[in-house]
PDB file of N, CA and C in Angstrom:
ATOM      1  N   MET A   1      94.196 101.479 148.512  1.00  0.00           N
ATOM      2  CA  MET A   1      94.243 101.592 149.703  1.00  0.00           C
ATOM      3  C   MET A   1      93.599 100.311 150.425  1.00  0.00           C
ATOM      4  N   ALA A   2      94.131  99.297 151.074  1.00  0.00           N
ATOM      5  CA  ALA A   2      93.596  98.225 151.817  1.00  0.00           C
ATOM      6  C   ALA A   2      92.661  99.163 152.768  1.00  0.00           C
ATOM      7  N   SER A   3      91.645  98.267 152.822  1.00  0.00           N
ATOM      8  CA  SER A   3      90.924  98.172 154.456  1.00  0.00           C
ATOM      9  C   SER A   3      91.012  97.828 155.652  1.00  0.00           C
ATOM     10  N   ASP A   4      90.919  98.596 156.536  1.00  0.00           N
ATOM     11  CA  ASP A   4      91.194  98.174 158.332  1.00  0.00           C
ATOM     12  C   ASP A   4      90.544  96.800 158.260  1.00  0.00           C
ATOM     13  N   LYS A   5      90.908  96.176 159.101  1.00  0.00           N
ATOM     14  CA  LYS A   5      90.617  94.751 159.761  1.00  0.00           C
ATOM     15  C   LYS A   5      89.303  95.166 160.675  1.00  0.00           C
ATOM     16  N   ALA A   6      89.922  96.444 161.524  1.00  0.00           N
ATOM     17  CA  ALA A   6      89.237  97.158 162.948  1.00  0.00           C
ATOM     18  C   ALA A   6      88.077  97.308 162.107  1.00  0.00           C
ATOM     19  N   TYR A   7      87.985  98.333 160.856  1.00  0.00           N
ATOM     20  CA  TYR A   7      86.634  98.175 160.095  1.00  0.00           C
ATOM     21  C   TYR A   7      85.586  97.260 160.108  1.00  0.00           C
ATOM     22  N   LEU A   8      85.809  96.033 159.908  1.00  0.00           N
ATOM     23  CA  LEU A   8      85.414  94.639 159.040  1.00  0.00           C
ATOM     24  C   LEU A   8      85.060  94.272 160.496  1.00  0.00           C
ATOM     25  N   ASP A   9      85.666  94.224 161.361  1.00  0.00           N
ATOM     26  CA  ASP A   9      85.630  94.149 162.791  1.00  0.00           C
ATOM     27  C   ASP A   9      83.985  94.412 163.475  1.00  0.00           C
ATOM     28  N   PHE A  10      83.754  96.146 163.102  1.00  0.00           N
ATOM     29  CA  PHE A  10      82.696  96.674 163.674  1.00  0.00           C
ATOM     30  C   PHE A  10      81.789  96.474 162.773  1.00  0.00           C
ATOM     31  N   VAL A  11      82.103  96.292 161.655  1.00  0.00           N
ATOM     32  CA  VAL A  11      80.549  95.835 160.742  1.00  0.00           C
ATOM     33  C   VAL A  11      79.897  94.313 160.839  1.00  0.00           C
ATOM     34  N   LEU A  12      80.773  93.375 161.281  1.00  0.00           N
ATOM     35  CA  LEU A  12      80.628  92.466 161.707  1.00  0.00           C
ATOM     36  C   LEU A  12      80.022  92.191 162.966  1.00  0.00           C
ATOM     37  N   GLU A  13      80.186  93.346 164.086  1.00  0.00           N
ATOM     38  CA  GLU A  13      79.423  92.987 165.169  1.00  0.00           C
ATOM     39  C   GLU A  13      78.790  93.819 164.955  1.00  0.00           C
ATOM     40  N   GLN A  14      77.951  94.698 164.192  1.00  0.00           N
ATOM     41  CA  GLN A  14      76.607  95.541 163.422  1.00  0.00           C
ATOM     42  C   GLN A  14      75.632  94.587 163.343  1.00  0.00           C
ATOM     43  N   LEU A  15      76.591  93.041 162.342  1.00  0.00           N
ATOM     44  CA  LEU A  15      75.461  92.039 161.780  1.00  0.00           C
ATOM     45  C   LEU A  15      75.640  91.058 163.020  1.00  0.00           C
ATOM     46  N   GLY A  16      76.048  91.420 163.964  1.00  0.00           N
ATOM     47  CA  GLY A  16      76.164  89.934 164.755  1.00  0.00           C
ATOM     48  C   GLY A  16      74.589  89.543 165.195  1.00  0.00           C
ATOM     49  N   GLY A  17      73.458  90.248 164.963  1.00  0.00           N
ATOM     50  CA  GLY A  17      71.958  89.456 164.680  1.00  0.00           C
ATOM     51  C   GLY A  17      71.875  88.347 163.801  1.00  0.00           C
ATOM     52  N   LEU A  18      72.073  88.576 162.617  1.00  0.00           N
ATOM     53  CA  LEU A  18      71.932  87.629 161.966  1.00  0.00           C
ATOM     54  C   LEU A  18      73.499  86.254 162.226  1.00  0.00           C
ATOM     55  N   LYS A  19      72.853  85.318 162.101  1.00  0.00           N
ATOM     56  CA  LYS A  19      73.565  84.253 161.788  1.00  0.00           C
ATOM     57  C   LYS A  19      73.858  83.838 159.975  1.00  0.00           C
ATOM     58  N   ASP A  20      75.098  83.032 159.919  1.00  0.00           N
ATOM     59  CA  ASP A  20      75.716  82.457 158.547  1.00  0.00           C
ATOM     60  C   ASP A  20      76.030  83.772 157.919  1.00  0.00           C
ATOM     61  N   VAL A  21      76.676  84.937 158.765  1.00  0.00           N
ATOM     62  CA  VAL A  21      77.243  85.890 158.339  1.00  0.00           C
ATOM     63  C   VAL A  21      78.728  85.788 157.742  1.00  0.00           C
ATOM     64  N   SER A  22      79.793  85.434 156.806  1.00  0.00           N
ATOM     65  CA  SER A  22      80.689  85.352 156.878  1.00  0.00           C
ATOM     66  C   SER A  22      81.343  86.400 155.870  1.00  0.00           C
ATOM     67  N   TRP A  23      83.210  85.916 155.625  1.00  0.00           N
ATOM     68  CA  TRP A  23      83.849  86.981 155.084  1.00  0.00           C
ATOM     69  C   TRP A  23      85.038  86.130 154.857  1.00  0.00           C
ATOM     70  N   ARG A  24      85.791  86.993 153.381  1.00  0.00           N
ATOM     71  CA  ARG A  24      87.249  86.627 153.016  1.00  0.00           C
ATOM     72  C   ARG A  24      87.878  87.624 152.587  1.00  0.00           C
ATOM     73  N   ALA A  25      89.127  87.769 153.013  1.00  0.00           N
ATOM     74  CA  ALA A  25      89.755  88.907 152.523  1.00  0.00           C
ATOM     75  C   ALA A  25      90.474  88.316 151.122  1.00  0.00           C
ATOM     76  N   MET A  26      90.405  89.760 150.260  1.00  0.00           N
ATOM     77  CA  MET A  26      90.339  89.379 149.076  1.00  0.00           C
ATOM     78  C   MET A  26      91.446  90.762 148.503  1.00  0.00           C
ATOM     79  N   MET A  27      93.091  90.767 148.308  1.00  0.00           N
ATOM     80  CA  MET A  27      94.261  91.555 148.110  1.00  0.00           C
ATOM     81  C   MET A  27      93.584  92.745 148.818  1.00  0.00           C
ATOM     82  N   GLY A  28      93.703  92.807 150.312  1.00  0.00           N
ATOM     83  CA  GLY A  28      93.703  93.723 150.960  1.00  0.00           C
ATOM     84  C   GLY A  28      92.093  94.699 151.369  1.00  0.00           C
ATOM     85  N   GLU A  29      91.059  93.546 150.644  1.00  0.00           N
ATOM     86  CA  GLU A  29      89.590  94.174 151.092  1.00  0.00           C
ATOM     87  C   GLU A  29      88.659  92.934 151.556  1.00  0.00           C
ATOM     88  N   TYR A  30      88.102  93.144 151.620  1.00  0.00           N
ATOM     89  CA  TYR A  30      86.754  91.711 152.246  1.00  0.00           C
ATOM     90  C   TYR A  30      85.810  91.650 151.881  1.00  0.00           C
ATOM     91  N   ILE A  31      85.227  90.264 151.095  1.00  0.00           N
ATOM     92  CA  ILE A  31      83.845  90.369 150.592  1.00  0.00           C
ATOM     93  C   ILE A  31      82.647  89.984 151.640  1.00  0.00           C
ATOM     94  N   LEU A  32      81.951  90.220 151.900  1.00  0.00           N
ATOM     95  CA  LEU A  32      81.288  89.943 152.521  1.00  0.00           C
ATOM     96  C   LEU A  32      80.298  88.798 152.308  1.00  0.00           C
ATOM     97  N   TYR A  33      79.777  87.931 152.689  1.00  0.00           N
ATOM     98  CA  TYR A  33      78.682  86.801 152.162  1.00  0.00           C
ATOM     99  C   TYR A  33      77.549  86.296 153.314  1.00  0.00           C
ATOM    100  N   TYR A  34      76.344  86.065 153.009  1.00  0.00           N
ATOM    101  CA  TYR A  34      75.298  86.454 153.837  1.00  0.00           C
ATOM    102  C   TYR A  34      74.679  84.746 153.125  1.00  0.00           C
ATOM    103  N   GLN A  35      74.145  83.853 154.125  1.00  0.00           N
ATOM    104  CA  GLN A  35      74.065  82.549 153.457  1.00  0.00           C
ATOM    105  C   GLN A  35      74.606  81.912 152.630  1.00  0.00           C
ATOM    106  N   GLY A  36      76.087  81.991 152.072  1.00  0.00           N
ATOM    107  CA  GLY A  36      76.487  81.845 151.579  1.00  0.00           C
ATOM    108  C   GLY A  36      76.541  82.810 149.998  1.00  0.00           C
ATOM    109  N   LYS A  37      75.656  83.797 149.927  1.00  0.00           N
ATOM    110  CA  LYS A  37      75.633  84.357 148.459  1.00  0.00           C
ATOM    111  C   LYS A  37      76.558  85.992 148.932  1.00  0.00           C
ATOM    112  N   VAL A  38      77.327  86.327 148.236  1.00  0.00           N
ATOM    113  CA  VAL A  38      78.139  87.576 148.105  1.00  0.00           C
ATOM    114  C   VAL A  38      76.999  89.059 148.382  1.00  0.00           C
ATOM    115  N   ILE A  39      77.015  89.153 149.358  1.00  0.00           N
ATOM    116  CA  ILE A  39      76.290  90.520 149.316  1.00  0.00           C
ATOM    117  C   ILE A  39      76.928  91.932 149.329  1.00  0.00           C
ATOM    118  N   GLY A  40      78.199  92.246 149.128  1.00  0.00           N
ATOM    119  CA  GLY A  40      78.864  93.033 149.125  1.00  0.00           C
ATOM    120  C   GLY A  40      80.167  92.825 149.795  1.00  0.00           C
ATOM    121  N   GLY A  41      80.876  94.015 150.880  1.00  0.00           N
ATOM    122  CA  GLY A  41      81.959  93.861 151.224  1.00  0.00           C
ATOM    123  C   GLY A  41      82.548  95.151 151.137  1.00  0.00           C
ATOM    124  N   ILE A  42      83.649  95.061 151.514  1.00  0.00           N
ATOM    125  CA  ILE A  42      84.454  96.511 152.486  1.00  0.00           C
ATOM    126  C   ILE A  42      85.627  96.749 151.752  1.00  0.00           C
ATOM    127  N   TYR A  43      85.696  97.854 150.973  1.00  0.00           N
ATOM    128  CA  TYR A  43      86.404  98.565 150.028  1.00  0.00           C
ATOM    129  C   TYR A  43      87.056 100.009 150.492  1.00  0.00           C
ATOM    130  N   ASP A  44      87.698  99.978 150.518  1.00  0.00           N
ATOM    131  CA  ASP A  44      88.692 101.537 151.062  1.00  0.00           C
ATOM    132  C   ASP A  44      87.862 102.038 152.341  1.00  0.00           C
ATOM    133  N   ASP A  45      87.978 100.829 153.207  1.00  0.00           N
ATOM    134  CA  ASP A  45      86.872 101.023 154.314  1.00  0.00           C
ATOM    135  C   ASP A  45      85.651 101.831 154.429  1.00  0.00           C
ATOM    136  N   ARG A  46      85.172 101.519 153.670  1.00  0.00           N
ATOM    137  CA  ARG A  46      83.588 101.748 152.623  1.00  0.00           C
ATOM    138  C   ARG A  46      82.883 100.361 152.736  1.00  0.00           C
ATOM    139  N   PHE A  47      81.550 100.424 153.150  1.00  0.00           N
ATOM    140  CA  PHE A  47      80.538  99.756 153.521  1.00  0.00           C
ATOM    141  C   PHE A  47      80.347  99.435 152.154  1.00  0.00           C
ATOM    142  N   LEU A  48      79.935  98.452 150.934  1.00  0.00           N
ATOM    143  CA  LEU A  48      79.503  98.496 150.003  1.00  0.00           C
ATOM    144  C   LEU A  48      78.464  97.281 149.622  1.00  0.00           C
ATOM    145  N   VAL A  49      76.892  96.982 149.239  1.00  0.00           N
ATOM    146  CA  VAL A  49      76.417  96.278 148.367  1.00  0.00           C
ATOM    147  C   VAL A  49      75.604  96.064 147.367  1.00  0.00           C
ATOM    148  N   LYS A  50      75.383  95.529 147.022  1.00  0.00           N
ATOM    149  CA  LYS A  50      75.193  95.044 145.565  1.00  0.00           C
ATOM    150  C   LYS A  50      73.241  95.824 145.146  1.00  0.00           C
ATOM    151  N   PRO A  51      73.260  96.730 144.282  1.00  0.00           N
ATOM    152  CA  PRO A  51      72.566  97.182 144.260  1.00  0.00           C
ATOM    153  C   PRO A  51      70.815  96.692 143.742  1.00  0.00           C
ATOM    154  N   THR A  52      70.621  95.523 144.766  1.00  0.00           N
ATOM    155  CA  THR A  52      69.508  95.179 144.476  1.00  0.00           C
ATOM    156  C   THR A  52      68.047  95.770 144.743  1.00  0.00           C
ATOM    157  N   PRO A  53      67.267  95.434 144.198  1.00  0.00           N
ATOM    158  CA  PRO A  53      65.412  96.188 144.168  1.00  0.00           C
ATOM    159  C   PRO A  53      65.584  96.257 145.838  1.00  0.00           C
ATOM    160  N   SER A  54      65.874  95.244 146.662  1.00  0.00           N
ATOM    161  CA  SER A  54      65.852  95.423 147.853  1.00  0.00           C
ATOM    162  C   SER A  54      66.632  97.012 148.564  1.00  0.00           C
ATOM    163  N   ALA A  55      67.699  96.552 148.616  1.00  0.00           N
ATOM    164  CA  ALA A  55      68.969  97.477 148.704  1.00  0.00           C
ATOM    165  C   ALA A  55      68.448  98.819 148.049  1.00  0.00           C
ATOM    166  N   LEU A  56      67.681  99.418 146.995  1.00  0.00           N
ATOM    167  CA  LEU A  56      67.477 100.352 146.389  1.00  0.00           C
ATOM    168  C   LEU A  56      66.192 100.896 146.967  1.00  0.00           C
ATOM    169  N   ALA A  57      65.486  99.846 147.578  1.00  0.00           N
ATOM    170  CA  ALA A  57      64.108 100.508 148.314  1.00  0.00           C
ATOM    171  C   ALA A  57      64.310 100.974 149.270  1.00  0.00           C
ATOM    172  N   LEU A  58      65.231  99.745 150.325  1.00  0.00           N
ATOM    173  CA  LEU A  58      65.666 100.709 151.708  1.00  0.00           C
ATOM    174  C   LEU A  58      66.694 102.298 151.707  1.00  0.00           C
ATOM    175  N   MET A  59      67.675 101.777 150.857  1.00  0.00           N
ATOM    176  CA  MET A  59      68.021 102.758 150.539  1.00  0.00           C
ATOM    177  C   MET A  59      68.342 103.778 149.291  1.00  0.00           C
ATOM    178  N   PRO A  60      67.565 104.280 149.392  1.00  0.00           N
ATOM    179  CA  PRO A  60      66.784 105.142 147.878  1.00  0.00           C
ATOM    180  C   PRO A  60      68.189 106.235 148.149  1.00  0.00           C
ATOM    181  N   ASP A  61      68.701 106.697 148.657  1.00  0.00           N
ATOM    182  CA  ASP A  61      69.245 107.698 148.557  1.00  0.00           C
ATOM    183  C   ASP A  61      70.636 108.150 148.637  1.00  0.00           C
ATOM    184  N   ALA A  62      71.237 106.157 148.859  1.00  0.00           N
ATOM    185  CA  ALA A  62      72.578 105.594 149.436  1.00  0.00           C
ATOM    186  C   ALA A  62      73.545 106.705 148.003  1.00  0.00           C
ATOM    187  N   PRO A  63      74.563 106.906 148.293  1.00  0.00           N
ATOM    188  CA  PRO A  63      75.577 106.367 147.094  1.00  0.00           C
ATOM    189  C   PRO A  63      76.182 105.519 146.208  1.00  0.00           C
ATOM    190  N   ARG A  64      76.118 105.925 145.549  1.00  0.00           N
ATOM    191  CA  ARG A  64      76.619 104.510 144.250  1.00  0.00           C
ATOM    192  C   ARG A  64      77.910 105.283 144.094  1.00  0.00           C
ATOM    193  N   GLU A  65      78.783 104.063 144.115  1.00  0.00           N
ATOM    194  CA  GLU A  65      80.161 103.833 144.210  1.00  0.00           C
ATOM    195  C   GLU A  65      80.887 102.791 143.928  1.00  0.00           C
ATOM    196  N   LEU A  66      82.341 102.649 142.774  1.00  0.00           N
ATOM    197  CA  LEU A  66      82.320 101.975 142.813  1.00  0.00           C
ATOM    198  C   LEU A  66      83.662 101.276 143.585  1.00  0.00           C
ATOM    199  N   PRO A  67      83.729 100.011 143.679  1.00  0.00           N
ATOM    200  CA  PRO A  67      84.346  99.578 145.008  1.00  0.00           C
ATOM    201  C   PRO A  67      85.837  99.080 144.411  1.00  0.00           C
ATOM    202  N   TYR A  68      85.770  99.336 143.002  1.00  0.00           N
ATOM    203  CA  TYR A  68      87.495  99.593 142.426  1.00  0.00           C
ATOM    204  C   TYR A  68      87.385  99.659 140.989  1.00  0.00           C
ATOM    205  N   GLU A  69      88.725  99.867 140.248  1.00  0.00           N
ATOM    206  CA  GLU A  69      88.280 100.532 139.158  1.00  0.00           C
ATOM    207  C   GLU A  69      87.857  99.392 138.091  1.00  0.00           C
ATOM    208  N   GLY A  70      87.248  99.395 136.921  1.00  0.00           N
ATOM    209  CA  GLY A  70      86.388  98.570 136.662  1.00  0.00           C
ATOM    210  C   GLY A  70      85.435  97.630 136.777  1.00  0.00           C
ATOM    211  N   ALA A  71      84.689  97.988 138.103  1.00  0.00           N
ATOM    212  CA  ALA A  71      83.856  97.372 138.653  1.00  0.00           C
ATOM    213  C   ALA A  71      82.594  98.071 138.750  1.00  0.00           C
ATOM    214  N   LYS A  72      81.426  97.177 139.000  1.00  0.00           N
ATOM    215  CA  LYS A  72      80.029  97.438 138.388  1.00  0.00           C
ATOM    216  C   LYS A  72      79.963  98.376 140.105  1.00  0.00           C
ATOM    217  N   GLU A  73      79.043  99.486 139.891  1.00  0.00           N
ATOM    218  CA  GLU A  73      78.740 100.231 140.857  1.00  0.00           C
ATOM    219  C   GLU A  73      77.924  99.264 142.322  1.00  0.00           C
ATOM    220  N   MET A  74      78.449  99.866 143.310  1.00  0.00           N
ATOM    221  CA  MET A  74      77.367  98.872 144.178  1.00  0.00           C
ATOM    222  C   MET A  74      76.658 100.286 145.117  1.00  0.00           C
ATOM    223  N   LEU A  75      76.189 100.195 146.096  1.00  0.00           N
ATOM    224  CA  LEU A  75      75.332 101.387 147.261  1.00  0.00           C
ATOM    225  C   LEU A  75      76.169 101.221 148.517  1.00  0.00           C
ATOM    226  N   MET A  76      76.430 102.213 148.791  1.00  0.00           N
ATOM    227  CA  MET A  76      77.329 102.568 150.093  1.00  0.00           C
ATOM    228  C   MET A  76      76.471 102.515 151.207  1.00  0.00           C
ATOM    229  N   VAL A  77      76.648 101.599 152.506  1.00  0.00           N
ATOM    230  CA  VAL A  77      75.624 101.809 153.254  1.00  0.00           C
ATOM    231  C   VAL A  77      76.576 102.590 154.500  1.00  0.00           C
ATOM    232  N   GLU A  78      75.786 104.154 154.472  1.00  0.00           N
ATOM    233  CA  GLU A  78      76.013 105.013 155.370  1.00  0.00           C
ATOM    234  C   GLU A  78      76.285 104.923 157.090  1.00  0.00           C
ATOM    235  N   ASP A  79      74.654 104.399 156.881  1.00  0.00           N
ATOM    236  CA  ASP A  79      74.361 104.432 158.553  1.00  0.00           C
ATOM    237  C   ASP A  79      74.838 102.885 159.147  1.00  0.00           C
ATOM    238  N   ILE A  80      76.232 103.070 159.265  1.00  0.00           N
ATOM    239  CA  ILE A  80      76.468 101.432 159.516  1.00  0.00           C
ATOM    240  C   ILE A  80      76.280 101.359 161.294  1.00  0.00           C
ATOM    241  N   GLU A  81      75.649 102.183 161.660  1.00  0.00           N
ATOM    242  CA  GLU A  81      75.323 102.132 163.448  1.00  0.00           C
ATOM    243  C   GLU A  81      74.174 101.248 163.282  1.00  0.00           C
ATOM    244  N   ASP A  82      73.066 101.733 162.467  1.00  0.00           N
ATOM    245  CA  ASP A  82      71.534 101.201 162.796  1.00  0.00           C
ATOM    246  C   ASP A  82      71.583  99.708 162.230  1.00  0.00           C
ATOM    247  N   ARG A  83      71.816  98.887 163.567  1.00  0.00           N
ATOM    248  CA  ARG A  83      71.530  97.029 163.410  1.00  0.00           C
ATOM    249  C   ARG A  83      70.554  96.677 162.298  1.00  0.00           C
ATOM    250  N   GLU A  84      69.030  97.509 163.127  1.00  0.00           N
ATOM    251  CA  GLU A  84      68.012  97.087 162.398  1.00  0.00           C
ATOM    252  C   GLU A  84      67.616  96.832 161.173  1.00  0.00           C
ATOM    253  N   LEU A  85      68.753  98.271 160.277  1.00  0.00           N
ATOM    254  CA  LEU A  85      68.537  98.505 159.070  1.00  0.00           C
ATOM    255  C   LEU A  85      69.409  97.705 157.863  1.00  0.00           C
ATOM    256  N   LEU A  86      70.475  97.014 158.944  1.00  0.00           N
ATOM    257  CA  LEU A  86      71.317  95.958 158.291  1.00  0.00           C
ATOM    258  C   LEU A  86      70.612  94.831 158.430  1.00  0.00           C
ATOM    259  N   GLU A  87      70.179  94.759 159.411  1.00  0.00           N
ATOM    260  CA  GLU A  87      69.462  93.044 159.114  1.00  0.00           C
ATOM    261  C   GLU A  87      68.386  93.150 157.928  1.00  0.00           C
ATOM    262  N   ARG A  88      67.640  94.222 158.097  1.00  0.00           N
ATOM    263  CA  ARG A  88      66.563  93.900 156.621  1.00  0.00           C
ATOM    264  C   ARG A  88      67.177  94.016 155.940  1.00  0.00           C
ATOM    265  N   LEU A  89      68.240  94.599 155.609  1.00  0.00           N
ATOM    266  CA  LEU A  89      68.844  95.119 154.297  1.00  0.00           C
ATOM    267  C   LEU A  89      69.725  93.601 154.125  1.00  0.00           C
ATOM    268  N   PHE A  90      70.015  92.917 154.755  1.00  0.00           N
ATOM    269  CA  PHE A  90      70.436  91.496 153.931  1.00  0.00           C
ATOM    270  C   PHE A  90      69.626  90.036 154.034  1.00  0.00           C
ATOM    271  N   THR A  91      68.060  90.469 154.716  1.00  0.00           N
ATOM    272  CA  THR A  91      67.409  89.084 155.017  1.00  0.00           C
ATOM    273  C   THR A  91      67.005  89.882 153.431  1.00  0.00           C
ATOM    274  N   ALA A  92      66.495  90.763 153.408  1.00  0.00           N
ATOM    275  CA  ALA A  92      65.874  91.121 152.308  1.00  0.00           C
ATOM    276  C   ALA A  92      66.708  90.605 150.522  1.00  0.00           C
ATOM    277  N   MET A  93      67.773  91.121 150.824  1.00  0.00           N
ATOM    278  CA  MET A  93      68.200  91.158 149.450  1.00  0.00           C
ATOM    279  C   MET A  93      69.035  89.670 149.464  1.00  0.00           C
ATOM    280  N   VAL A  94      68.777  88.936 150.354  1.00  0.00           N
ATOM    281  CA  VAL A  94      69.799  87.298 150.262  1.00  0.00           C
ATOM    282  C   VAL A  94      68.570  86.910 148.895  1.00  0.00           C
ATOM    283  N   ASP A  95      67.174  86.773 149.003  1.00  0.00           N
ATOM    284  CA  ASP A  95      66.714  86.122 148.485  1.00  0.00           C
ATOM    285  C   ASP A  95      66.913  86.590 146.637  1.00  0.00           C
ATOM    286  N   GLU A  96      67.790  87.811 146.214  1.00  0.00           N
ATOM    287  CA  GLU A  96      67.513  88.748 145.031  1.00  0.00           C
ATOM    288  C   GLU A  96      69.010  88.435 144.490  1.00  0.00           C
ATOM    289  N   LEU A  97      69.683  87.397 145.496  1.00  0.00           N
ATOM    290  CA  LEU A  97      71.119  87.631 145.152  1.00  0.00           C
ATOM    291  C   LEU A  97      71.098  86.228 144.272  1.00  0.00           C
ATOM    292  N   PRO A  98      72.337  85.435 143.169  1.00  0.00           N
ATOM    293  CA  PRO A  98      72.250  84.292 142.465  1.00  0.00           C
ATOM    294  C   PRO A  98      72.951  83.528 143.834  1.00  0.00           C
ATOM    295  N   ALA A  99      72.769  82.517 143.191  1.00  0.00           N
ATOM    296  CA  ALA A  99      73.181  81.008 144.571  1.00  0.00           C
ATOM    297  C   ALA A  99      75.156  80.992 143.855  1.00  0.00           C
ATOM    298  N   PRO A 100      75.728  80.927 144.730  1.00  0.00           N
ATOM    299  CA  PRO A 100      77.176  80.555 144.597  1.00  0.00           C
ATOM    300  C   PRO A 100      77.623  79.380 143.232  1.00  0.00           C
ATOM    301  N   LYS A 101      78.116  79.794 142.478  1.00  0.00           N
ATOM    302  CA  LYS A 101      78.899  79.018 141.435  1.00  0.00           C
ATOM    303  C   LYS A 101      79.364  77.940 141.930  1.00  0.00           C
ATOM    304  N   LYS A 102      79.085  76.744 141.561  1.00  0.00           N
ATOM    305  CA  LYS A 102      79.860  75.511 141.622  1.00  0.00           C
ATOM    306  C   LYS A 102      81.600  75.666 141.479  1.00  0.00           C
ATOM    307  N   LYS A 103      82.278  75.071 142.575  1.00  0.00           N
ATOM    308  CA  LYS A 103      83.540  75.083 142.294  1.00  0.00           C
ATOM    309  C   LYS A 103      84.006  73.848 141.062  1.00  0.00           C
ATOM    310  N   THR A 104      84.358  73.924 139.859  1.00  0.00           N
ATOM    311  CA  THR A 104      85.023  72.557 138.899  1.00  0.00           C
ATOM    312  C   THR A 104      86.178  72.482 139.469  1.00  0.00           C
ATOM    313  N   LYS A 105      86.617  70.955 139.463  1.00  0.00           N
ATOM    314  CA  LYS A 105      87.606  70.650 139.623  1.00  0.00           C
ATOM    315  C   LYS A 105      88.603  70.587 138.184  1.00  0.00           C
ATOM    316  N   LYS A 106      89.551  70.794 138.544  1.00  0.00           N
ATOM    317  CA  LYS A 106      90.748  71.001 137.060  1.00  0.00           C
ATOM    318  C   LYS A 106      90.708  69.399 136.725  1.00  0.00           C
ATOM    319  N   LYS A 107      90.753  69.191 135.608  1.00  0.00           N
ATOM    320  CA  LYS A 107      91.227  67.494 135.059  1.00  0.00           C
ATOM    321  C   LYS A 107      92.671  67.887 135.051  1.00  0.00           C
ATOM    322  N   THR A 108      93.508  66.604 135.480  1.00  0.00           N
ATOM    323  CA  THR A 108      94.604  66.670 135.197  1.00  0.00           C
ATOM    324  C   THR A 108      95.305  65.539 134.356  1.00  0.00           C
TER     325      THR A 108
END
């Protein structure tokens, strides 16, 4: 089941206090980036984030969910209406995530 764009728009609205939040559509779902790093995404209308130490500390009781079959578990953000929590979550997580991989050009 693909995610609804209206759900993505709501999550982005909740994150409106942060600069440099972006997203990309991928196979009916949405990947969320903060400062160029993958934070999580919208999968089947569920807001999931990577289980970094900060995310686990801020949401110790968050359910662990699979975004899709064969993927690693992520944490489900249940209280998406808590803007303060979302901002603290993204701000805390960003330094724990790897830098984006450089794209290499194919030689022809």
